[in-house]
């Protein structure tokens, strides 16, 4: 596949978006997204998308990617004052909230879009700040393909997604699974709610993802809650997880025939940089792992020269998905 549009075409008849009471194929999701987006003021528009983990939101995101527009992803719950500040600064062509149906066209002159720009995201912890990460379109595709490759994703995958899609980790789950024609199960529940585990069972979900807080919570729930036949893969990113908890999940996964991936990334890198192979997690739980395909990592000193083996240094990441800038 060379891009999202190609993937959506290739998997048109495959189930794409699942909620407890509905399922849309790739073709149906793309059609719904285009219907909600409607006509845009120009051929390549900047669309401020107020996201929620709902079929309409992901469908609109798919349509914008497929048609070459530039989404600026923000949570639908973002305070109006913060939204207004970002809108005034970045002058999007359209502000769109698929869940509520709100759709407003900017009255100001549109900004010129860089030819390579594909996506705008807030950095971790900077929601409400005017600072956005500019990701290039081909880099977003490359990162999604690399993630799909090292996780061994296929059409049969059914991740249960509860992470916000405006968060780079949540977005990367969507992107990587769309790239292989998988079915994405959307939930409004958190891992602390019984309904989350009920939906995991009812969807026969194959994977879950979480940040350190989620895995600390799941650890307290114990192994019994994870005894779900369809569940094959667990992934963790979004910060450093206690090595003892990593070792617990790595041992559990190895003993029960599952896989536990610890991953490292930054929004500025599109977002995945490295992953720790499951068979290494138990013996090196404090490592970030190996670079994903197409990415190189160097440790350098203050002069930019490589440091000696075992020495500390600044990490320099190079790859196709590294941002265009802020």
C-alpha atoms as a PDB file:
ATOM      1  CA  UNK A   1       0.000   0.000   0.000  1.00  0.00           C
ATOM      2  CA  UNK A   2       1.281   3.483  -0.829  1.00  0.00           C
ATOM      3  CA  UNK A   3      -1.184   5.449   1.280  1.00  0.00           C
ATOM      4  CA  UNK A   4      -4.456   5.555   3.167  1.00  0.00           C
ATOM      5  CA  UNK A   5      -6.612   6.048   0.074  1.00  0.00           C
ATOM      6  CA  UNK A   6      -5.148   2.885  -1.451  1.00  0.00           C
ATOM      7  CA  UNK A   7      -5.779   0.940   1.758  1.00  0.00           C
ATOM      8  CA  UNK A   8      -9.378   2.118   1.996  1.00  0.00           C
ATOM      9  CA  UNK A   9      -9.968   1.048  -1.598  1.00  0.00           C
ATOM     10  CA  UNK A  10      -8.288  -2.335  -1.169  1.00  0.00           C
ATOM     11  CA  UNK A  11     -10.277  -3.146   1.979  1.00  0.00           C
ATOM     12  CA  UNK A  12     -13.562  -1.527   0.920  1.00  0.00           C
ATOM     13  CA  UNK A  13     -15.746  -4.503   1.860  1.00  0.00           C
ATOM     14  CA  UNK A  14     -13.919  -5.283   5.126  1.00  0.00           C
ATOM     15  CA  UNK A  15     -15.456  -4.302   8.493  1.00  0.00           C
ATOM     16  CA  UNK A  16     -13.717  -1.122   9.620  1.00  0.00           C
ATOM     17  CA  UNK A  17     -15.346   0.657  12.575  1.00  0.00           C
ATOM     18  CA  UNK A  18     -17.194  -1.192  15.321  1.00  0.00           C
ATOM     19  CA  UNK A  19     -19.246   0.115  18.199  1.00  0.00           C
ATOM     20  CA  UNK A  20     -21.490  -2.009  20.446  1.00  0.00           C
ATOM     21  CA  UNK A  21     -24.529  -1.382  18.238  1.00  0.00           C
ATOM     22  CA  UNK A  22     -23.033  -0.824  14.778  1.00  0.00           C
ATOM     23  CA  UNK A  23     -20.380  -1.890  12.277  1.00  0.00           C
ATOM     24  CA  UNK A  24     -19.315  -0.040   9.121  1.00  0.00           C
ATOM     25  CA  UNK A  25     -17.163  -1.354   6.306  1.00  0.00           C
ATOM     26  CA  UNK A  26     -14.234   0.694   4.972  1.00  0.00           C
ATOM     27  CA  UNK A  27     -16.374   1.865   2.057  1.00  0.00           C
ATOM     28  CA  UNK A  28     -19.272   2.799   4.336  1.00  0.00           C
ATOM     29  CA  UNK A  29     -17.023   4.622   6.799  1.00  0.00           C
ATOM     30  CA  UNK A  30     -15.346   6.617   4.022  1.00  0.00           C
ATOM     31  CA  UNK A  31     -18.732   7.523   2.518  1.00  0.00           C
ATOM     32  CA  UNK A  32     -20.050   8.634   5.914  1.00  0.00           C
ATOM     33  CA  UNK A  33     -16.961  10.739   6.519  1.00  0.00           C
ATOM     34  CA  UNK A  34     -17.238  12.470   3.170  1.00  0.00           C
ATOM     35  CA  UNK A  35     -20.949  13.104   3.733  1.00  0.00           C
ATOM     36  CA  UNK A  36     -20.260  14.766   7.098  1.00  0.00           C
ATOM     37  CA  UNK A  37     -17.358  16.817   5.746  1.00  0.00           C
ATOM     38  CA  UNK A  38     -19.421  18.022   2.787  1.00  0.00           C
ATOM     39  CA  UNK A  39     -17.967  20.585   0.435  1.00  0.00           C
ATOM     40  CA  UNK A  40     -14.858  22.421   1.601  1.00  0.00           C
ATOM     41  CA  UNK A  41     -13.797  25.953   0.630  1.00  0.00           C
ATOM     42  CA  UNK A  42     -10.719  24.818  -1.257  1.00  0.00           C
ATOM     43  CA  UNK A  43      -9.189  21.725  -2.820  1.00  0.00           C
ATOM     44  CA  UNK A  44      -6.798  21.160   0.085  1.00  0.00           C
ATOM     45  CA  UNK A  45      -8.257  22.505   3.296  1.00  0.00           C
ATOM     46  CA  UNK A  46      -7.141  22.824   6.912  1.00  0.00           C
ATOM     47  CA  UNK A  47      -9.895  21.260   9.033  1.00  0.00           C
ATOM     48  CA  UNK A  48      -9.984  21.656  12.803  1.00  0.00           C
ATOM     49  CA  UNK A  49     -11.542  18.350  13.823  1.00  0.00           C
ATOM     50  CA  UNK A  50     -13.109  18.107  17.280  1.00  0.00           C
ATOM     51  CA  UNK A  51     -12.575  14.405  17.960  1.00  0.00           C
ATOM     52  CA  UNK A  52     -14.331  11.813  20.051  1.00  0.00           C
ATOM     53  CA  UNK A  53     -14.100   8.032  19.982  1.00  0.00           C
ATOM     54  CA  UNK A  54     -17.174   7.660  17.806  1.00  0.00           C
ATOM     55  CA  UNK A  55     -17.746   6.252  14.351  1.00  0.00           C
ATOM     56  CA  UNK A  56     -18.505   9.693  12.816  1.00  0.00           C
ATOM     57  CA  UNK A  57     -15.241  11.185  14.146  1.00  0.00           C
ATOM     58  CA  UNK A  58     -13.018   8.405  12.840  1.00  0.00           C
ATOM     59  CA  UNK A  59     -14.962   8.334   9.555  1.00  0.00           C
ATOM     60  CA  UNK A  60     -14.338  12.064   9.033  1.00  0.00           C
ATOM     61  CA  UNK A  61     -10.647  11.576   9.847  1.00  0.00           C
ATOM     62  CA  UNK A  62     -10.491   8.813   7.228  1.00  0.00           C
ATOM     63  CA  UNK A  63     -12.134  11.040   4.621  1.00  0.00           C
ATOM     64  CA  UNK A  64      -9.729  13.910   5.276  1.00  0.00           C
ATOM     65  CA  UNK A  65      -6.713  11.588   4.987  1.00  0.00           C
ATOM     66  CA  UNK A  66      -7.991   9.916   1.833  1.00  0.00           C
ATOM     67  CA  UNK A  67      -8.777  13.217   0.093  1.00  0.00           C
ATOM     68  CA  UNK A  68      -5.533  15.005   0.945  1.00  0.00           C
ATOM     69  CA  UNK A  69      -6.858  17.553   3.422  1.00  0.00           C
ATOM     70  CA  UNK A  70      -5.009  18.508   6.625  1.00  0.00           C
ATOM     71  CA  UNK A  71      -6.713  17.584   9.916  1.00  0.00           C
ATOM     72  CA  UNK A  72      -5.898  19.500  13.080  1.00  0.00           C
ATOM     73  CA  UNK A  73      -6.957  17.035  15.777  1.00  0.00           C
ATOM     74  CA  UNK A  74      -8.396  18.358  19.036  1.00  0.00           C
ATOM     75  CA  UNK A  75     -10.608  16.702  21.626  1.00  0.00           C
ATOM     76  CA  UNK A  76     -14.292  17.592  21.360  1.00  0.00           C
ATOM     77  CA  UNK A  77     -14.230  18.320  25.100  1.00  0.00           C
ATOM     78  CA  UNK A  78     -11.623  21.082  24.710  1.00  0.00           C
ATOM     79  CA  UNK A  79     -12.863  24.301  26.333  1.00  0.00           C
ATOM     80  CA  UNK A  80     -14.370  26.782  23.873  1.00  0.00           C
ATOM     81  CA  UNK A  81     -11.970  29.538  24.948  1.00  0.00           C
ATOM     82  CA  UNK A  82      -8.969  27.357  24.100  1.00  0.00           C
ATOM     83  CA  UNK A  83     -10.536  26.279  20.822  1.00  0.00           C
ATOM     84  CA  UNK A  84     -11.237  29.886  19.867  1.00  0.00           C
ATOM     85  CA  UNK A  85      -7.627  30.843  20.592  1.00  0.00           C
ATOM     86  CA  UNK A  86      -6.278  28.080  18.362  1.00  0.00           C
ATOM     87  CA  UNK A  87      -8.785  28.939  15.622  1.00  0.00           C
ATOM     88  CA  UNK A  88      -7.767  32.594  15.693  1.00  0.00           C
ATOM     89  CA  UNK A  89      -4.096  31.691  15.458  1.00  0.00           C
ATOM     90  CA  UNK A  90      -4.229  28.952  12.808  1.00  0.00           C
ATOM     91  CA  UNK A  91      -7.251  30.139  10.790  1.00  0.00           C
ATOM     92  CA  UNK A  92      -8.633  26.727   9.734  1.00  0.00           C
ATOM     93  CA  UNK A  93     -10.919  26.634   6.723  1.00  0.00           C
ATOM     94  CA  UNK A  94     -13.494  24.668   8.706  1.00  0.00           C
ATOM     95  CA  UNK A  95     -14.140  23.740  12.345  1.00  0.00           C
ATOM     96  CA  UNK A  96     -15.991  20.444  12.479  1.00  0.00           C
ATOM     97  CA  UNK A  97     -17.492  18.435  15.340  1.00  0.00           C
ATOM     98  CA  UNK A  98     -18.853  15.191  13.841  1.00  0.00           C
ATOM     99  CA  UNK A  99     -20.522  14.059  17.076  1.00  0.00           C
ATOM    100  CA  UNK A 100     -22.625  17.197  17.497  1.00  0.00           C
ATOM    101  CA  UNK A 101     -22.923  18.041  13.813  1.00  0.00           C
ATOM    102  CA  UNK A 102     -21.489  21.532  14.330  1.00  0.00           C
ATOM    103  CA  UNK A 103     -19.789  22.817  11.192  1.00  0.00           C
ATOM    104  CA  UNK A 104     -18.421  26.344  10.838  1.00  0.00           C
ATOM    105  CA  UNK A 105     -16.519  27.875   7.937  1.00  0.00           C
ATOM    106  CA  UNK A 106     -13.832  30.440   8.693  1.00  0.00           C
ATOM    107  CA  UNK A 107     -14.515  34.014   7.695  1.00  0.00           C
ATOM    108  CA  UNK A 108     -10.806  34.898   7.666  1.00  0.00           C
ATOM    109  CA  UNK A 109      -8.364  34.461   4.823  1.00  0.00           C
ATOM    110  CA  UNK A 110      -7.007  30.882   4.758  1.00  0.00           C
ATOM    111  CA  UNK A 111      -3.387  30.199   5.565  1.00  0.00           C
ATOM    112  CA  UNK A 112      -1.029  28.753   2.951  1.00  0.00           C
ATOM    113  CA  UNK A 113      -0.400  25.046   3.557  1.00  0.00           C
ATOM    114  CA  UNK A 114       3.035  23.488   3.089  1.00  0.00           C
ATOM    115  CA  UNK A 115       2.905  20.987   0.236  1.00  0.00           C
ATOM    116  CA  UNK A 116       4.135  18.140   2.480  1.00  0.00           C
ATOM    117  CA  UNK A 117       1.910  18.906   5.469  1.00  0.00           C
ATOM    118  CA  UNK A 118      -0.475  16.080   6.329  1.00  0.00           C
ATOM    119  CA  UNK A 119      -1.488  16.490   9.960  1.00  0.00           C
ATOM    120  CA  UNK A 120      -1.342  18.857  12.939  1.00  0.00           C
ATOM    121  CA  UNK A 121      -1.259  17.580  16.534  1.00  0.00           C
ATOM    122  CA  UNK A 122      -0.792  19.110  19.953  1.00  0.00           C
ATOM    123  CA  UNK A 123       2.326  17.937  21.776  1.00  0.00           C
ATOM    124  CA  UNK A 124       1.959  15.871  24.934  1.00  0.00           C
ATOM    125  CA  UNK A 125       0.976  18.241  27.708  1.00  0.00           C
ATOM    126  CA  UNK A 126       0.516  21.262  25.464  1.00  0.00           C
ATOM    127  CA  UNK A 127      -3.249  21.174  24.885  1.00  0.00           C
ATOM    128  CA  UNK A 128      -4.319  24.776  25.269  1.00  0.00           C
ATOM    129  CA  UNK A 129      -0.946  26.015  24.051  1.00  0.00           C
ATOM    130  CA  UNK A 130      -0.592  27.394  20.515  1.00  0.00           C
ATOM    131  CA  UNK A 131       2.286  24.967  19.896  1.00  0.00           C
ATOM    132  CA  UNK A 132       1.422  22.298  17.321  1.00  0.00           C
ATOM    133  CA  UNK A 133       3.498  19.574  15.687  1.00  0.00           C
ATOM    134  CA  UNK A 134       3.544  19.571  11.872  1.00  0.00           C
ATOM    135  CA  UNK A 135       3.709  16.042  10.463  1.00  0.00           C
ATOM    136  CA  UNK A 136       4.252  15.331   6.802  1.00  0.00           C
ATOM    137  CA  UNK A 137       1.751  13.114   5.012  1.00  0.00           C
ATOM    138  CA  UNK A 138       4.229  10.524   3.761  1.00  0.00           C
ATOM    139  CA  UNK A 139       5.817  10.307   7.210  1.00  0.00           C
ATOM    140  CA  UNK A 140       2.483   9.504   8.861  1.00  0.00           C
ATOM    141  CA  UNK A 141       2.022   6.682   6.354  1.00  0.00           C
ATOM    142  CA  UNK A 142       5.592   5.418   6.886  1.00  0.00           C
ATOM    143  CA  UNK A 143       5.135   5.366  10.668  1.00  0.00           C
ATOM    144  CA  UNK A 144       1.837   3.494  10.378  1.00  0.00           C
ATOM    145  CA  UNK A 145       3.391   0.924   8.066  1.00  0.00           C
ATOM    146  CA  UNK A 146       6.387   0.410  10.376  1.00  0.00           C
ATOM    147  CA  UNK A 147       4.113  -0.099  13.397  1.00  0.00           C
ATOM    148  CA  UNK A 148       1.968  -2.573  11.468  1.00  0.00           C
ATOM    149  CA  UNK A 149       5.116  -4.471  10.458  1.00  0.00           C
ATOM    150  CA  UNK A 150       6.721  -4.923  13.881  1.00  0.00           C
ATOM    151  CA  UNK A 151       3.383  -5.749  15.521  1.00  0.00           C
ATOM    152  CA  UNK A 152       2.584  -8.189  12.721  1.00  0.00           C
ATOM    153  CA  UNK A 153      -0.839  -6.622  12.136  1.00  0.00           C
ATOM    154  CA  UNK A 154      -3.293  -8.145   9.661  1.00  0.00           C
ATOM    155  CA  UNK A 155      -6.916  -7.925   8.569  1.00  0.00           C
ATOM    156  CA  UNK A 156      -7.914 -10.175  11.450  1.00  0.00           C
ATOM    157  CA  UNK A 157      -6.936  -7.659  14.148  1.00  0.00           C
ATOM    158  CA  UNK A 158      -9.631  -6.027  16.300  1.00  0.00           C
ATOM    159  CA  UNK A 159      -8.072  -3.510  18.722  1.00  0.00           C
ATOM    160  CA  UNK A 160     -10.304  -2.076  21.453  1.00  0.00           C
ATOM    161  CA  UNK A 161      -9.464   1.644  21.385  1.00  0.00           C
ATOM    162  CA  UNK A 162     -10.106   3.842  24.420  1.00  0.00           C
ATOM    163  CA  UNK A 163      -7.197   6.296  23.995  1.00  0.00           C
ATOM    164  CA  UNK A 164      -8.170   9.713  22.553  1.00  0.00           C
ATOM    165  CA  UNK A 165      -7.674   9.878  18.790  1.00  0.00           C
ATOM    166  CA  UNK A 166      -6.219  13.389  19.110  1.00  0.00           C
ATOM    167  CA  UNK A 167      -3.439  11.871  21.241  1.00  0.00           C
ATOM    168  CA  UNK A 168      -0.604  10.637  19.037  1.00  0.00           C
ATOM    169  CA  UNK A 169      -0.651   7.139  20.576  1.00  0.00           C
ATOM    170  CA  UNK A 170      -4.383   6.745  19.957  1.00  0.00           C
ATOM    171  CA  UNK A 171      -3.993   8.157  16.458  1.00  0.00           C
ATOM    172  CA  UNK A 172      -1.184   5.719  15.695  1.00  0.00           C
ATOM    173  CA  UNK A 173      -3.407   2.779  16.649  1.00  0.00           C
ATOM    174  CA  UNK A 174      -6.022   3.995  14.194  1.00  0.00           C
ATOM    175  CA  UNK A 175      -3.479   4.660  11.425  1.00  0.00           C
ATOM    176  CA  UNK A 176      -1.607   1.363  11.710  1.00  0.00           C
ATOM    177  CA  UNK A 177      -4.761  -0.743  11.783  1.00  0.00           C
ATOM    178  CA  UNK A 178      -6.394   1.139   8.902  1.00  0.00           C
ATOM    179  CA  UNK A 179      -3.275   0.440   6.862  1.00  0.00           C
ATOM    180  CA  UNK A 180      -3.855  -3.338   7.055  1.00  0.00           C
ATOM    181  CA  UNK A 181      -7.656  -3.477   6.802  1.00  0.00           C
ATOM    182  CA  UNK A 182      -8.279  -4.342  10.451  1.00  0.00           C
ATOM    183  CA  UNK A 183     -11.483  -3.651  12.397  1.00  0.00           C
ATOM    184  CA  UNK A 184     -11.199  -0.918  15.030  1.00  0.00           C
ATOM    185  CA  UNK A 185     -13.498  -1.316  18.040  1.00  0.00           C
ATOM    186  CA  UNK A 186     -14.336   2.025  19.667  1.00  0.00           C
ATOM    187  CA  UNK A 187     -15.266   2.337  23.330  1.00  0.00           C
ATOM    188  CA  UNK A 188     -16.201   5.199  25.641  1.00  0.00           C
ATOM    189  CA  UNK A 189     -15.282   3.096  28.685  1.00  0.00           C
ATOM    190  CA  UNK A 190     -12.046   3.181  30.685  1.00  0.00           C
ATOM    191  CA  UNK A 191     -10.096   0.145  31.851  1.00  0.00           C
ATOM    192  CA  UNK A 192     -11.422   0.769  35.384  1.00  0.00           C
ATOM    193  CA  UNK A 193     -15.017   0.212  34.293  1.00  0.00           C
ATOM    194  CA  UNK A 194     -16.567  -3.266  34.040  1.00  0.00           C
ATOM    195  CA  UNK A 195     -18.112  -2.183  30.742  1.00  0.00           C
ATOM    196  CA  UNK A 196     -14.660  -1.960  29.153  1.00  0.00           C
ATOM    197  CA  UNK A 197     -13.981  -5.636  29.770  1.00  0.00           C
ATOM    198  CA  UNK A 198     -17.500  -6.553  28.693  1.00  0.00           C
ATOM    199  CA  UNK A 199     -16.961  -4.774  25.377  1.00  0.00           C
ATOM    200  CA  UNK A 200     -13.560  -6.417  24.983  1.00  0.00           C
ATOM    201  CA  UNK A 201     -15.295  -9.796  25.261  1.00  0.00           C
ATOM    202  CA  UNK A 202     -18.287  -8.918  23.087  1.00  0.00           C
ATOM    203  CA  UNK A 203     -16.082  -7.548  20.282  1.00  0.00           C
ATOM    204  CA  UNK A 204     -13.683 -10.479  20.680  1.00  0.00           C
ATOM    205  CA  UNK A 205     -10.964  -7.842  20.638  1.00  0.00           C
ATOM    206  CA  UNK A 206      -7.439  -9.017  19.916  1.00  0.00           C
ATOM    207  CA  UNK A 207      -5.447  -6.191  21.505  1.00  0.00           C
ATOM    208  CA  UNK A 208      -5.518  -3.402  24.061  1.00  0.00           C
ATOM    209  CA  UNK A 209      -3.247  -0.386  24.493  1.00  0.00           C
ATOM    210  CA  UNK A 210      -2.481   1.807  27.443  1.00  0.00           C
ATOM    211  CA  UNK A 211      -0.230   4.334  29.131  1.00  0.00           C
ATOM    212  CA  UNK A 212       1.517   3.604  32.461  1.00  0.00           C
ATOM    213  CA  UNK A 213      -1.558   4.524  34.529  1.00  0.00           C
ATOM    214  CA  UNK A 214      -3.672   1.961  32.685  1.00  0.00           C
ATOM    215  CA  UNK A 215      -1.191  -0.853  33.235  1.00  0.00           C
ATOM    216  CA  UNK A 216      -0.806  -0.018  36.909  1.00  0.00           C
ATOM    217  CA  UNK A 217      -4.607  -0.252  37.171  1.00  0.00           C
ATOM    218  CA  UNK A 218      -4.778  -3.510  35.205  1.00  0.00           C
ATOM    219  CA  UNK A 219      -2.002  -4.953  37.383  1.00  0.00           C
ATOM    220  CA  UNK A 220      -4.119  -4.299  40.472  1.00  0.00           C
ATOM    221  CA  UNK A 221      -7.071  -6.065  38.840  1.00  0.00           C
ATOM    222  CA  UNK A 222      -4.929  -9.197  38.524  1.00  0.00           C
ATOM    223  CA  UNK A 223      -4.418 -11.843  35.856  1.00  0.00           C
ATOM    224  CA  UNK A 224      -7.964 -13.160  35.972  1.00  0.00           C
ATOM    225  CA  UNK A 225      -9.366 -10.098  34.222  1.00  0.00           C
ATOM    226  CA  UNK A 226      -7.017 -10.676  31.286  1.00  0.00           C
ATOM    227  CA  UNK A 227      -8.136 -14.268  30.771  1.00  0.00           C
ATOM    228  CA  UNK A 228      -9.982 -13.490  27.536  1.00  0.00           C
ATOM    229  CA  UNK A 229      -9.394 -15.989  24.697  1.00  0.00           C
ATOM    230  CA  UNK A 230      -9.376 -13.425  21.879  1.00  0.00           C
ATOM    231  CA  UNK A 231      -6.839 -11.124  23.590  1.00  0.00           C
ATOM    232  CA  UNK A 232      -3.408 -11.735  22.046  1.00  0.00           C
ATOM    233  CA  UNK A 233      -1.452  -8.469  22.231  1.00  0.00           C
ATOM    234  CA  UNK A 234      -0.930  -5.703  24.780  1.00  0.00           C
ATOM    235  CA  UNK A 235       0.981  -2.513  23.933  1.00  0.00           C
ATOM    236  CA  UNK A 236       2.258   0.238  26.228  1.00  0.00           C
ATOM    237  CA  UNK A 237       3.570   3.722  25.469  1.00  0.00           C
ATOM    238  CA  UNK A 238       3.036   7.262  26.728  1.00  0.00           C
ATOM    239  CA  UNK A 239       5.719   7.350  29.408  1.00  0.00           C
ATOM    240  CA  UNK A 240       8.039   5.182  31.467  1.00  0.00           C
ATOM    241  CA  UNK A 241       6.380   2.182  33.087  1.00  0.00           C
ATOM    242  CA  UNK A 242       7.849   0.711  36.270  1.00  0.00           C
ATOM    243  CA  UNK A 243      10.216  -2.109  35.194  1.00  0.00           C
ATOM    244  CA  UNK A 244       8.625  -4.380  37.816  1.00  0.00           C
ATOM    245  CA  UNK A 245       5.235  -3.966  36.135  1.00  0.00           C
ATOM    246  CA  UNK A 246       6.824  -4.541  32.725  1.00  0.00           C
ATOM    247  CA  UNK A 247       8.378  -7.738  34.047  1.00  0.00           C
ATOM    248  CA  UNK A 248       5.001  -8.865  35.407  1.00  0.00           C
ATOM    249  CA  UNK A 249       3.213  -8.428  32.078  1.00  0.00           C
ATOM    250  CA  UNK A 250       6.127  -9.862  30.105  1.00  0.00           C
ATOM    251  CA  UNK A 251       6.111 -12.999  32.254  1.00  0.00           C
ATOM    252  CA  UNK A 252       2.328 -13.312  32.064  1.00  0.00           C
ATOM    253  CA  UNK A 253       2.335 -12.843  28.290  1.00  0.00           C
ATOM    254  CA  UNK A 254       5.085 -15.412  27.742  1.00  0.00           C
ATOM    255  CA  UNK A 255       3.389 -17.933  30.009  1.00  0.00           C
ATOM    256  CA  UNK A 256      -0.054 -17.551  28.393  1.00  0.00           C
ATOM    257  CA  UNK A 257       0.969 -17.283  24.735  1.00  0.00           C
ATOM    258  CA  UNK A 258       0.387 -13.533  24.419  1.00  0.00           C
ATOM    259  CA  UNK A 259       2.680 -10.645  23.469  1.00  0.00           C
ATOM    260  CA  UNK A 260       3.473  -7.539  25.532  1.00  0.00           C
ATOM    261  CA  UNK A 261       5.123  -4.673  23.617  1.00  0.00           C
ATOM    262  CA  UNK A 262       6.716  -1.726  25.406  1.00  0.00           C
ATOM    263  CA  UNK A 263       7.077   1.144  22.946  1.00  0.00           C
ATOM    264  CA  UNK A 264       8.776   4.524  22.882  1.00  0.00           C
ATOM    265  CA  UNK A 265       7.767   7.548  20.859  1.00  0.00           C
ATOM    266  CA  UNK A 266       7.098  11.253  20.681  1.00  0.00           C
ATOM    267  CA  UNK A 267       4.433  13.202  18.854  1.00  0.00           C
ATOM    268  CA  UNK A 268       7.303  14.962  17.085  1.00  0.00           C
ATOM    269  CA  UNK A 269       8.337  11.654  15.491  1.00  0.00           C
ATOM    270  CA  UNK A 270       4.977  10.750  14.099  1.00  0.00           C
ATOM    271  CA  UNK A 271       4.913   9.180  16.830  1.00  0.00           C
ATOM    272  CA  UNK A 272       6.676   5.797  17.128  1.00  0.00           C
ATOM    273  CA  UNK A 273      10.472   5.692  17.486  1.00  0.00           C
ATOM    274  CA  UNK A 274      11.328   2.342  19.077  1.00  0.00           C
ATOM    275  CA  UNK A 275       9.837  -0.828  20.515  1.00  0.00           C
ATOM    276  CA  UNK A 276      11.007  -3.514  22.907  1.00  0.00           C
ATOM    277  CA  UNK A 277      10.542  -6.987  21.378  1.00  0.00           C
ATOM    278  CA  UNK A 278       8.362  -9.119  23.689  1.00  0.00           C
ATOM    279  CA  UNK A 279      11.082 -11.725  24.196  1.00  0.00           C
ATOM    280  CA  UNK A 280      13.402  -9.018  25.561  1.00  0.00           C
ATOM    281  CA  UNK A 281      10.963  -7.332  27.953  1.00  0.00           C
ATOM    282  CA  UNK A 282      11.544  -9.674  30.902  1.00  0.00           C
ATOM    283  CA  UNK A 283      15.356  -9.404  30.768  1.00  0.00           C
ATOM    284  CA  UNK A 284      15.654  -5.685  29.876  1.00  0.00           C
ATOM    285  CA  UNK A 285      12.462  -4.042  31.219  1.00  0.00           C
ATOM    286  CA  UNK A 286      14.119  -0.618  31.493  1.00  0.00           C
ATOM    287  CA  UNK A 287      15.121  -0.421  27.793  1.00  0.00           C
ATOM    288  CA  UNK A 288      13.288   1.435  25.020  1.00  0.00           C
ATOM    289  CA  UNK A 289      14.177  -1.348  22.586  1.00  0.00           C
ATOM    290  CA  UNK A 290      15.181  -1.097  18.941  1.00  0.00           C
ATOM    291  CA  UNK A 291      14.346   1.568  16.340  1.00  0.00           C
ATOM    292  CA  UNK A 292      11.357   0.944  14.085  1.00  0.00           C
ATOM    293  CA  UNK A 293      11.992   0.383  10.381  1.00  0.00           C
ATOM    294  CA  UNK A 294      13.360   3.484   8.657  1.00  0.00           C
ATOM    295  CA  UNK A 295      14.411   5.192  11.898  1.00  0.00           C
ATOM    296  CA  UNK A 296      17.937   5.638  13.258  1.00  0.00           C
ATOM    297  CA  UNK A 297      18.864   6.619  16.813  1.00  0.00           C
ATOM    298  CA  UNK A 298      22.262   8.071  17.735  1.00  0.00           C
ATOM    299  CA  UNK A 299      23.619   9.183  21.101  1.00  0.00           C
ATOM    300  CA  UNK A 300      25.833  12.259  20.758  1.00  0.00           C
ATOM    301  CA  UNK A 301      27.767  14.609  23.014  1.00  0.00           C
ATOM    302  CA  UNK A 302      27.548  18.405  23.153  1.00  0.00           C
ATOM    303  CA  UNK A 303      29.581  18.705  19.943  1.00  0.00           C
ATOM    304  CA  UNK A 304      27.369  16.286  18.023  1.00  0.00           C
ATOM    305  CA  UNK A 305      29.963  13.517  18.026  1.00  0.00           C
ATOM    306  CA  UNK A 306      28.906   9.944  18.902  1.00  0.00           C
ATOM    307  CA  UNK A 307      29.455   9.030  22.558  1.00  0.00           C
ATOM    308  CA  UNK A 308      31.426   5.978  23.659  1.00  0.00           C
ATOM    309  CA  UNK A 309      29.513   2.762  24.264  1.00  0.00           C
ATOM    310  CA  UNK A 310      27.880   2.866  27.690  1.00  0.00           C
ATOM    311  CA  UNK A 311      28.193   6.655  28.017  1.00  0.00           C
ATOM    312  CA  UNK A 312      25.303   9.090  28.314  1.00  0.00           C
ATOM    313  CA  UNK A 313      24.380  11.408  25.480  1.00  0.00           C
ATOM    314  CA  UNK A 314      21.605  13.275  23.726  1.00  0.00           C
ATOM    315  CA  UNK A 315      19.370  11.084  21.578  1.00  0.00           C
ATOM    316  CA  UNK A 316      19.135  12.134  17.930  1.00  0.00           C
ATOM    317  CA  UNK A 317      16.324  10.541  15.931  1.00  0.00           C
ATOM    318  CA  UNK A 318      16.216  10.527  12.134  1.00  0.00           C
ATOM    319  CA  UNK A 319      13.506   9.082   9.915  1.00  0.00           C
ATOM    320  CA  UNK A 320      10.754   9.859   7.416  1.00  0.00           C
ATOM    321  CA  UNK A 321       8.151  10.601  10.083  1.00  0.00           C
ATOM    322  CA  UNK A 322      10.146  13.185  12.046  1.00  0.00           C
ATOM    323  CA  UNK A 323       8.160  16.418  12.116  1.00  0.00           C
ATOM    324  CA  UNK A 324       8.483  19.338   9.747  1.00  0.00           C
ATOM    325  CA  UNK A 325       8.737  21.580  12.825  1.00  0.00           C
ATOM    326  CA  UNK A 326       6.427  23.317  15.258  1.00  0.00           C
END
